[in-house]
C-alpha atoms as a PDB file:
ATOM      1  CA  UNK A   1      81.777-256.900-134.351  1.00  0.00           C
ATOM      2  CA  UNK A   2      82.642-253.360-133.366  1.00  0.00           C
ATOM      3  CA  UNK A   3      79.825-250.883-132.871  1.00  0.00           C
ATOM      4  CA  UNK A   4      79.773-247.725-135.014  1.00  0.00           C
ATOM      5  CA  UNK A   5      80.263-245.609-131.888  1.00  0.00           C
ATOM      6  CA  UNK A   6      83.427-247.481-130.893  1.00  0.00           C
ATOM      7  CA  UNK A   7      84.726-247.377-134.475  1.00  0.00           C
ATOM      8  CA  UNK A   8      84.180-243.604-134.589  1.00  0.00           C
ATOM      9  CA  UNK A   9      85.961-243.101-131.259  1.00  0.00           C
ATOM     10  CA  UNK A  10      88.876-245.283-132.359  1.00  0.00           C
ATOM     11  CA  UNK A  11      89.281-243.442-135.647  1.00  0.00           C
ATOM     12  CA  UNK A  12      89.030-240.048-133.980  1.00  0.00           C
ATOM     13  CA  UNK A  13      91.709-241.070-131.481  1.00  0.00           C
ATOM     14  CA  UNK A  14      93.979-242.014-134.402  1.00  0.00           C
ATOM     15  CA  UNK A  15      93.407-238.717-136.230  1.00  0.00           C
ATOM     16  CA  UNK A  16      96.163-236.745-134.398  1.00  0.00           C
ATOM     17  CA  UNK A  17      98.641-239.590-134.881  1.00  0.00           C
ATOM     18  CA  UNK A  18      97.893-239.852-138.592  1.00  0.00           C
ATOM     19  CA  UNK A  19      98.123-236.090-138.911  1.00  0.00           C
ATOM     20  CA  UNK A  20     101.577-236.021-137.285  1.00  0.00           C
ATOM     21  CA  UNK A  21     102.746-238.944-139.420  1.00  0.00           C
ATOM     22  CA  UNK A  22     101.659-237.323-142.672  1.00  0.00           C
ATOM     23  CA  UNK A  23     103.239-233.996-141.694  1.00  0.00           C
ATOM     24  CA  UNK A  24     106.528-235.693-140.856  1.00  0.00           C
ATOM     25  CA  UNK A  25     106.711-237.126-144.388  1.00  0.00           C
ATOM     26  CA  UNK A  26     107.325-233.609-145.706  1.00  0.00           C
ATOM     27  CA  UNK A  27     110.452-233.293-143.571  1.00  0.00           C
ATOM     28  CA  UNK A  28     112.309-236.487-144.473  1.00  0.00           C
ATOM     29  CA  UNK A  29     113.811-237.848-147.670  1.00  0.00           C
ATOM     30  CA  UNK A  30     111.489-239.845-149.880  1.00  0.00           C
ATOM     31  CA  UNK A  31     112.418-243.494-150.004  1.00  0.00           C
ATOM     32  CA  UNK A  32     114.504-243.616-146.838  1.00  0.00           C
ATOM     33  CA  UNK A  33     113.592-246.356-144.323  1.00  0.00           C
ATOM     34  CA  UNK A  34     111.859-243.871-142.034  1.00  0.00           C
ATOM     35  CA  UNK A  35     109.767-242.484-144.884  1.00  0.00           C
ATOM     36  CA  UNK A  36     108.689-245.945-146.003  1.00  0.00           C
ATOM     37  CA  UNK A  37     107.715-247.016-142.486  1.00  0.00           C
ATOM     38  CA  UNK A  38     105.783-243.826-141.739  1.00  0.00           C
ATOM     39  CA  UNK A  39     104.006-244.095-145.085  1.00  0.00           C
ATOM     40  CA  UNK A  40     103.080-247.690-144.275  1.00  0.00           C
ATOM     41  CA  UNK A  41     101.669-246.630-140.900  1.00  0.00           C
ATOM     42  CA  UNK A  42      99.478-244.030-142.620  1.00  0.00           C
ATOM     43  CA  UNK A  43      98.297-246.702-145.068  1.00  0.00           C
ATOM     44  CA  UNK A  44      97.503-249.063-142.175  1.00  0.00           C
ATOM     45  CA  UNK A  45      95.423-246.393-140.429  1.00  0.00           C
ATOM     46  CA  UNK A  46      93.553-245.742-143.695  1.00  0.00           C
ATOM     47  CA  UNK A  47      93.059-249.490-144.106  1.00  0.00           C
ATOM     48  CA  UNK A  48      91.589-249.674-140.618  1.00  0.00           C
ATOM     49  CA  UNK A  49      89.150-246.902-141.532  1.00  0.00           C
ATOM     50  CA  UNK A  50      88.099-248.903-144.584  1.00  0.00           C
ATOM     51  CA  UNK A  51      87.620-252.019-142.476  1.00  0.00           C
ATOM     52  CA  UNK A  52      85.682-250.262-139.734  1.00  0.00           C
ATOM     53  CA  UNK A  53      83.509-247.835-141.690  1.00  0.00           C
ATOM     54  CA  UNK A  54      84.025-248.800-145.324  1.00  0.00           C
ATOM     55  CA  UNK A  55      85.826-245.561-146.173  1.00  0.00           C
ATOM     56  CA  UNK A  56      89.599-245.520-146.544  1.00  0.00           C
ATOM     57  CA  UNK A  57      89.412-241.823-147.461  1.00  0.00           C
ATOM     58  CA  UNK A  58      87.848-240.937-144.101  1.00  0.00           C
ATOM     59  CA  UNK A  59      90.867-238.879-143.013  1.00  0.00           C
ATOM     60  CA  UNK A  60      91.448-237.199-146.388  1.00  0.00           C
ATOM     61  CA  UNK A  61      88.402-235.014-145.976  1.00  0.00           C
ATOM     62  CA  UNK A  62      89.703-233.599-142.712  1.00  0.00           C
ATOM     63  CA  UNK A  63      93.472-233.316-143.256  1.00  0.00           C
ATOM     64  CA  UNK A  64      94.908-230.726-145.632  1.00  0.00           C
ATOM     65  CA  UNK A  65      97.649-232.087-147.916  1.00  0.00           C
ATOM     66  CA  UNK A  66     101.201-232.141-146.570  1.00  0.00           C
ATOM     67  CA  UNK A  67     103.637-229.713-148.137  1.00  0.00           C
ATOM     68  CA  UNK A  68     106.601-231.152-149.983  1.00  0.00           C
ATOM     69  CA  UNK A  69     110.206-231.003-148.871  1.00  0.00           C
ATOM     70  CA  UNK A  70     111.631-230.282-152.307  1.00  0.00           C
ATOM     71  CA  UNK A  71     112.810-233.891-152.823  1.00  0.00           C
ATOM     72  CA  UNK A  72     109.728-234.813-154.857  1.00  0.00           C
END
């Protein structure tokens, strides 16, 4: 079992990666292979947060929403 301190450090280390991934979604076409894979990575990071701390919305509170690219 992972300690809360390690879980917090792991999630905080993933924060910049998740941030960059979500921002990149605004710059690529919805539904393309890259979009789907990046979206899945974001979902996996959120799933890890749920597993580790019971809160899959952990990153939502800290990251402002990504702006759209006009394709939506």
